[in-house]
Amino acid sequence: MGNYSGQDAKMQIGLQVDFSTIASPTFQVDFTSESIKGIKNYITEDALLGLITTGRMDASGEKVEGAFSMIVKPDNIAILIAAALGSEGAAAGVASTSTIYDHAFSCLIGGTAYSLPKLTVMVDRKADIFAFVGCKIDSMTITAAVNDYLRAEFNIR
């Protein structure tokens, strides 16, 4: 993975409600690296018209691929775990305190009626701002080492 944007880059995430509608970012990710990019799919016309080059090329779709890494902290991981697993229950207060909450996450059950939450991922690389709509977390890896931070890597599709 490579951060194409330098140290001033920013990434923000918003939870989408409607299909293909850009969500307002509600969460800023302090990432250590990111490699998210949009890839356009093209169809090449195969008609033989005596052309020297290929025929017409039409855009048939666009997809998003890439990943980002981050240092895990209690205030920056909840929305991402919920997006990776599918649903988060209501946060409940822990033992008469007003600042500590217990979060319960549930994996989705199988079937076509269930789908992971869709995200809008906005990446500000200083040279340009990119908005990737309809992203889902494809995989999540959490690693820990002695005398180091808890780290996470999220693959987006």
Protein backbone atom coordinates (compact mmCIF):
# COMPACT_ATOMS: atom_id res chain seq x y z
CA MET A 1 0.00 0.00 0.00
CA GLY A 2 1.16 3.48 -0.67
CA ASN A 3 -0.05 6.86 0.43
CA TYR A 4 -0.03 8.81 -2.82
CA SER A 5 -0.75 12.08 -1.13
CA GLY A 6 1.71 13.11 1.55
CA GLN A 7 1.30 13.83 5.20
CA ASP A 8 -1.53 16.37 4.90
CA ALA A 9 -3.96 13.94 3.28
CA LYS A 10 -7.35 13.36 4.88
CA MET A 11 -9.91 10.57 4.60
CA GLN A 12 -13.52 10.89 5.72
CA ILE A 13 -16.28 8.30 5.75
CA GLY A 14 -20.05 8.64 5.71
CA LEU A 15 -22.70 5.92 5.98
CA GLN A 16 -24.95 5.87 2.90
CA VAL A 17 -28.71 5.70 3.26
CA ASP A 18 -29.76 5.72 -0.40
CA PHE A 19 -28.20 3.79 -3.26
CA SER A 20 -25.54 5.76 -5.20
CA THR A 21 -26.14 8.97 -3.24
CA ILE A 22 -23.06 10.62 -1.76
CA ALA A 23 -23.31 10.60 2.03
CA SER A 24 -22.02 13.49 4.09
CA PRO A 25 -18.82 12.47 5.86
CA THR A 26 -19.39 11.95 9.57
CA PHE A 27 -16.10 10.35 10.57
CA GLN A 28 -12.48 11.24 9.86
CA VAL A 29 -10.00 8.37 9.62
CA ASP A 30 -6.48 9.03 10.84
CA PHE A 31 -4.81 6.58 8.50
CA THR A 32 -1.18 5.50 8.26
CA SER A 33 -1.43 4.55 4.57
CA GLU A 34 -4.09 4.32 1.87
CA SER A 35 -4.32 3.11 -1.71
CA ILE A 36 -7.97 3.56 -2.68
CA LYS A 37 -8.63 4.16 -6.38
CA GLY A 38 -11.48 4.11 -8.86
CA ILE A 39 -11.15 1.77 -11.82
CA LYS A 40 -13.26 2.24 -14.96
CA ASN A 41 -14.32 -0.79 -16.99
CA TYR A 42 -14.44 -0.42 -20.77
CA ILE A 43 -15.95 -2.54 -23.53
CA THR A 44 -14.15 -2.47 -26.87
CA GLU A 45 -16.26 -2.71 -30.00
CA ASP A 46 -15.15 -5.64 -32.12
CA ALA A 47 -16.70 -4.61 -35.44
CA LEU A 48 -14.40 -4.94 -38.44
CA LEU A 49 -14.70 -1.72 -40.37
CA GLY A 50 -11.28 -1.60 -41.95
CA LEU A 51 -9.89 0.36 -39.02
CA ILE A 52 -6.21 0.38 -38.20
CA THR A 53 -6.91 0.58 -34.46
CA THR A 54 -9.62 -0.93 -32.31
CA GLY A 55 -13.16 0.32 -32.66
CA ARG A 56 -15.10 2.40 -30.24
CA MET A 57 -14.63 1.95 -26.47
CA ASP A 58 -17.58 2.51 -24.14
CA ALA A 59 -17.51 2.79 -20.37
CA SER A 60 -19.43 -0.14 -18.88
CA GLY A 61 -18.97 0.53 -15.19
CA GLU A 62 -16.73 1.71 -12.42
CA LYS A 63 -15.46 -0.04 -9.31
CA VAL A 64 -13.42 0.93 -6.29
CA GLU A 65 -10.47 -1.03 -4.97
CA GLY A 66 -7.82 -0.41 -2.37
CA ALA A 67 -7.07 -0.46 1.30
CA PHE A 68 -6.15 1.73 4.21
CA SER A 69 -4.31 1.11 7.47
CA MET A 70 -4.74 2.82 10.79
CA ILE A 71 -3.83 2.74 14.45
CA VAL A 72 -6.86 1.52 16.39
CA LYS A 73 -8.25 3.70 19.17
CA PRO A 74 -11.61 3.38 20.94
CA ASP A 75 -13.00 6.50 19.30
CA ASN A 76 -12.08 5.62 15.70
CA ILE A 77 -12.95 1.96 15.17
CA ALA A 78 -16.67 1.48 15.93
CA ILE A 79 -18.15 2.64 12.60
CA LEU A 80 -15.58 0.61 10.67
CA ILE A 81 -16.24 -2.60 12.62
CA ALA A 82 -19.98 -2.07 12.14
CA ALA A 83 -19.43 -1.58 8.39
CA ALA A 84 -17.31 -4.75 8.24
CA LEU A 85 -19.69 -6.94 10.26
CA GLY A 86 -23.05 -5.50 9.31
CA SER A 87 -24.86 -4.09 12.31
CA GLU A 88 -24.25 -2.42 15.64
CA GLY A 89 -26.70 -2.59 18.50
CA ALA A 90 -27.51 0.39 20.67
CA ALA A 91 -24.61 1.41 22.90
CA ALA A 92 -25.35 0.76 26.56
CA GLY A 93 -23.76 2.58 29.50
CA VAL A 94 -21.41 0.54 31.66
CA ALA A 95 -21.87 0.47 35.43
CA SER A 96 -23.34 3.85 36.28
CA THR A 97 -20.76 5.87 34.34
CA SER A 98 -21.69 8.38 31.69
CA THR A 99 -18.48 8.10 29.67
CA ILE A 100 -17.98 4.36 29.15
CA TYR A 101 -20.22 2.43 26.74
CA ASP A 102 -20.56 -1.19 25.74
CA HIS A 103 -20.99 -1.77 21.98
CA ALA A 104 -22.36 -5.04 20.59
CA PHE A 105 -21.74 -5.93 16.93
CA SER A 106 -23.58 -8.65 15.04
CA CYS A 107 -22.56 -10.44 11.87
CA LEU A 108 -25.07 -10.55 9.06
CA ILE A 109 -26.95 -13.73 8.40
CA GLY A 110 -26.81 -15.15 4.89
CA GLY A 111 -29.30 -14.46 2.15
CA THR A 112 -29.97 -11.96 -0.57
CA ALA A 113 -32.10 -9.73 1.67
CA TYR A 114 -29.07 -8.76 3.77
CA SER A 115 -26.19 -6.56 2.72
CA LEU A 116 -23.25 -4.85 4.37
CA PRO A 117 -23.62 -1.11 4.89
CA LYS A 118 -22.45 1.07 2.01
CA LEU A 119 -20.00 3.87 2.64
CA THR A 120 -18.97 7.06 0.92
CA VAL A 121 -15.21 7.39 1.26
CA MET A 122 -13.78 10.86 0.59
CA VAL A 123 -10.01 11.15 0.19
CA ASP A 124 -8.41 14.61 0.11
CA ARG A 125 -4.97 14.16 -1.43
CA LYS A 126 -4.31 17.92 -1.59
CA ALA A 127 -3.97 17.78 -5.39
CA ASP A 128 -7.59 16.65 -5.71
CA ILE A 129 -10.51 15.37 -3.61
CA PHE A 130 -11.94 11.98 -4.56
CA ALA A 131 -15.40 10.73 -3.52
CA PHE A 132 -15.91 6.97 -3.78
CA VAL A 133 -19.60 6.07 -3.51
CA GLY A 134 -21.05 2.66 -2.66
CA CYS A 135 -17.96 1.19 -0.99
CA LYS A 136 -18.09 -1.86 1.22
CA ILE A 137 -15.44 -3.25 3.52
CA ASP A 138 -14.27 -6.47 1.87
CA SER A 139 -11.94 -7.61 4.66
CA MET A 140 -10.58 -6.41 7.96
CA THR A 141 -7.28 -7.44 9.56
CA ILE A 142 -6.38 -6.48 13.12
CA THR A 143 -2.80 -7.06 14.29
CA ALA A 144 -1.01 -6.53 17.56
CA ALA A 145 2.66 -6.75 18.46
CA VAL A 146 4.50 -6.40 21.74
CA ASN A 147 5.29 -2.76 22.56
CA ASP A 148 3.32 -1.47 19.58
CA TYR A 149 -0.13 -0.06 18.86
CA LEU A 150 -3.10 -2.17 17.87
CA ARG A 151 -3.31 -1.76 14.08
CA ALA A 152 -6.04 -2.46 11.53
CA GLU A 153 -6.15 -2.74 7.75
CA PHE A 154 -9.39 -2.47 5.79
CA ASN A 155 -9.77 -3.58 2.17
CA ILE A 156 -12.46 -1.66 0.28
CA ARG A 157 -14.48 -2.74 -2.76
